Structures are given as structure tokens and as C-alpha cells.
């Protein structure tokens, strides 16, 4: 799942996948703004079927945390 999340983030932010790892902070390290985060979440939902609600996203800061959340909430 981590590879899929990295691929989505790479595509949404136009960043090479090699620059993204599980410890990358989505906003601080990768430069995503709030609109980017919304677009990433939409792409994740379309790809995996997992919805990340607002109350969950406030506690997700790194790529690894996002991948873990998606893995734990897949049907």
C-alpha cells in the first residue's frame, strides 16, 4: 500500500517518487498545501475505495501514517 500511496502523491504533487518515503511529512517535506491534500485524498479514495474523513486527516502527517490508515480501513 505504501508504494501505491507514494505513486498517488508523486502524481498529484509532480514530485519524483524517489524523493518520497514513509517518513516524508506531506505538507512540510513535500510542500503540499490544503488543496493538494484534498486532491490526494480524492485520488486515494478513487483508487482504493477508502474515504479518509476530516477527523482522521488531522492526525495524519506523514506518507507512512496515510498508508497505514488506508491499509487499516480497506474492506
C-alpha atoms as a PDB file:
ATOM      1  CA  UNK A   1       0.000   0.000   0.000  1.00  0.00           C
ATOM      2  CA  UNK A   2       2.861   2.378   0.749  1.00  0.00           C
ATOM      3  CA  UNK A   3       4.050   2.173  -2.863  1.00  0.00           C
ATOM      4  CA  UNK A   4       0.543   2.959  -4.143  1.00  0.00           C
ATOM      5  CA  UNK A   5       0.250   5.983  -1.819  1.00  0.00           C
ATOM      6  CA  UNK A   6       3.698   7.221  -2.861  1.00  0.00           C
ATOM      7  CA  UNK A   7       2.683   6.873  -6.508  1.00  0.00           C
ATOM      8  CA  UNK A   8      -0.519   8.874  -5.950  1.00  0.00           C
ATOM      9  CA  UNK A   9       1.300  11.620  -4.042  1.00  0.00           C
ATOM     10  CA  UNK A  10       4.038  11.741  -6.667  1.00  0.00           C
ATOM     11  CA  UNK A  11       1.479  12.177  -9.427  1.00  0.00           C
ATOM     12  CA  UNK A  12      -0.583  14.777  -7.549  1.00  0.00           C
ATOM     13  CA  UNK A  13       2.397  16.900  -6.488  1.00  0.00           C
ATOM     14  CA  UNK A  14       4.563  16.302  -9.582  1.00  0.00           C
ATOM     15  CA  UNK A  15       7.412  15.026  -7.405  1.00  0.00           C
ATOM     16  CA  UNK A  16       9.681  12.124  -8.338  1.00  0.00           C
ATOM     17  CA  UNK A  17       8.749   9.010  -6.342  1.00  0.00           C
ATOM     18  CA  UNK A  18      12.366   8.589  -5.244  1.00  0.00           C
ATOM     19  CA  UNK A  19      12.031  11.780  -3.177  1.00  0.00           C
ATOM     20  CA  UNK A  20       9.109  10.392  -1.161  1.00  0.00           C
ATOM     21  CA  UNK A  21       9.379   7.869   1.665  1.00  0.00           C
ATOM     22  CA  UNK A  22       7.237   6.707   4.586  1.00  0.00           C
ATOM     23  CA  UNK A  23       8.695   9.396   6.861  1.00  0.00           C
ATOM     24  CA  UNK A  24       8.050  12.279   4.439  1.00  0.00           C
ATOM     25  CA  UNK A  25       5.778  14.893   6.009  1.00  0.00           C
ATOM     26  CA  UNK A  26       3.108  15.556   3.402  1.00  0.00           C
ATOM     27  CA  UNK A  27       2.931  19.315   3.919  1.00  0.00           C
ATOM     28  CA  UNK A  28       6.302  20.250   5.404  1.00  0.00           C
ATOM     29  CA  UNK A  29       8.618  17.983   3.400  1.00  0.00           C
ATOM     30  CA  UNK A  30       6.659  17.612   0.173  1.00  0.00           C
ATOM     31  CA  UNK A  31       5.229  21.132   0.033  1.00  0.00           C
ATOM     32  CA  UNK A  32       1.581  20.128  -0.222  1.00  0.00           C
ATOM     33  CA  UNK A  33      -0.979  22.771   0.652  1.00  0.00           C
ATOM     34  CA  UNK A  34      -4.509  22.089   1.876  1.00  0.00           C
ATOM     35  CA  UNK A  35      -5.904  21.873  -1.673  1.00  0.00           C
ATOM     36  CA  UNK A  36      -3.174  19.383  -2.608  1.00  0.00           C
ATOM     37  CA  UNK A  37      -4.101  17.261   0.400  1.00  0.00           C
ATOM     38  CA  UNK A  38      -7.769  17.244  -0.647  1.00  0.00           C
ATOM     39  CA  UNK A  39      -6.778  16.191  -4.177  1.00  0.00           C
ATOM     40  CA  UNK A  40      -4.513  13.442  -2.800  1.00  0.00           C
ATOM     41  CA  UNK A  41      -7.354  12.153  -0.611  1.00  0.00           C
ATOM     42  CA  UNK A  42      -9.771  12.138  -3.558  1.00  0.00           C
ATOM     43  CA  UNK A  43      -7.250  10.188  -5.649  1.00  0.00           C
ATOM     44  CA  UNK A  44      -6.739   7.712  -2.800  1.00  0.00           C
ATOM     45  CA  UNK A  45     -10.480   7.224  -2.419  1.00  0.00           C
ATOM     46  CA  UNK A  46     -10.902   6.687  -6.175  1.00  0.00           C
ATOM     47  CA  UNK A  47      -8.019   4.204  -6.244  1.00  0.00           C
ATOM     48  CA  UNK A  48      -8.618   2.262  -3.030  1.00  0.00           C
ATOM     49  CA  UNK A  49     -12.235   2.951  -2.085  1.00  0.00           C
ATOM     50  CA  UNK A  50     -11.083   4.183   1.333  1.00  0.00           C
ATOM     51  CA  UNK A  51     -12.501   7.518   2.489  1.00  0.00           C
ATOM     52  CA  UNK A  52     -10.284   9.488   4.878  1.00  0.00           C
ATOM     53  CA  UNK A  53     -12.613  11.694   6.961  1.00  0.00           C
ATOM     54  CA  UNK A  54     -11.609  15.137   8.209  1.00  0.00           C
ATOM     55  CA  UNK A  55     -11.380  13.930  11.805  1.00  0.00           C
ATOM     56  CA  UNK A  56      -8.797  11.310  10.758  1.00  0.00           C
ATOM     57  CA  UNK A  57      -6.707  13.528   8.482  1.00  0.00           C
ATOM     58  CA  UNK A  58      -5.878  15.956  11.293  1.00  0.00           C
ATOM     59  CA  UNK A  59      -3.836  13.153  12.894  1.00  0.00           C
ATOM     60  CA  UNK A  60      -2.110  12.051   9.680  1.00  0.00           C
ATOM     61  CA  UNK A  61       1.079  13.912   8.849  1.00  0.00           C
ATOM     62  CA  UNK A  62       3.424  11.518   7.070  1.00  0.00           C
ATOM     63  CA  UNK A  63       3.137   9.347   3.998  1.00  0.00           C
ATOM     64  CA  UNK A  64       3.556   6.257   6.191  1.00  0.00           C
ATOM     65  CA  UNK A  65       0.717   7.302   8.504  1.00  0.00           C
ATOM     66  CA  UNK A  66      -1.541   7.823   5.500  1.00  0.00           C
ATOM     67  CA  UNK A  67      -0.638   4.431   4.026  1.00  0.00           C
ATOM     68  CA  UNK A  68      -1.244   2.765   7.397  1.00  0.00           C
ATOM     69  CA  UNK A  69      -4.652   4.432   7.737  1.00  0.00           C
ATOM     70  CA  UNK A  70      -5.682   3.286   4.250  1.00  0.00           C
ATOM     71  CA  UNK A  71      -4.461  -0.278   4.898  1.00  0.00           C
ATOM     72  CA  UNK A  72      -6.341  -0.456   8.197  1.00  0.00           C
ATOM     73  CA  UNK A  73      -9.585   0.790   6.634  1.00  0.00           C
ATOM     74  CA  UNK A  74      -9.736  -1.260   3.450  1.00  0.00           C
ATOM     75  CA  UNK A  75     -12.718  -3.577   3.155  1.00  0.00           C
END
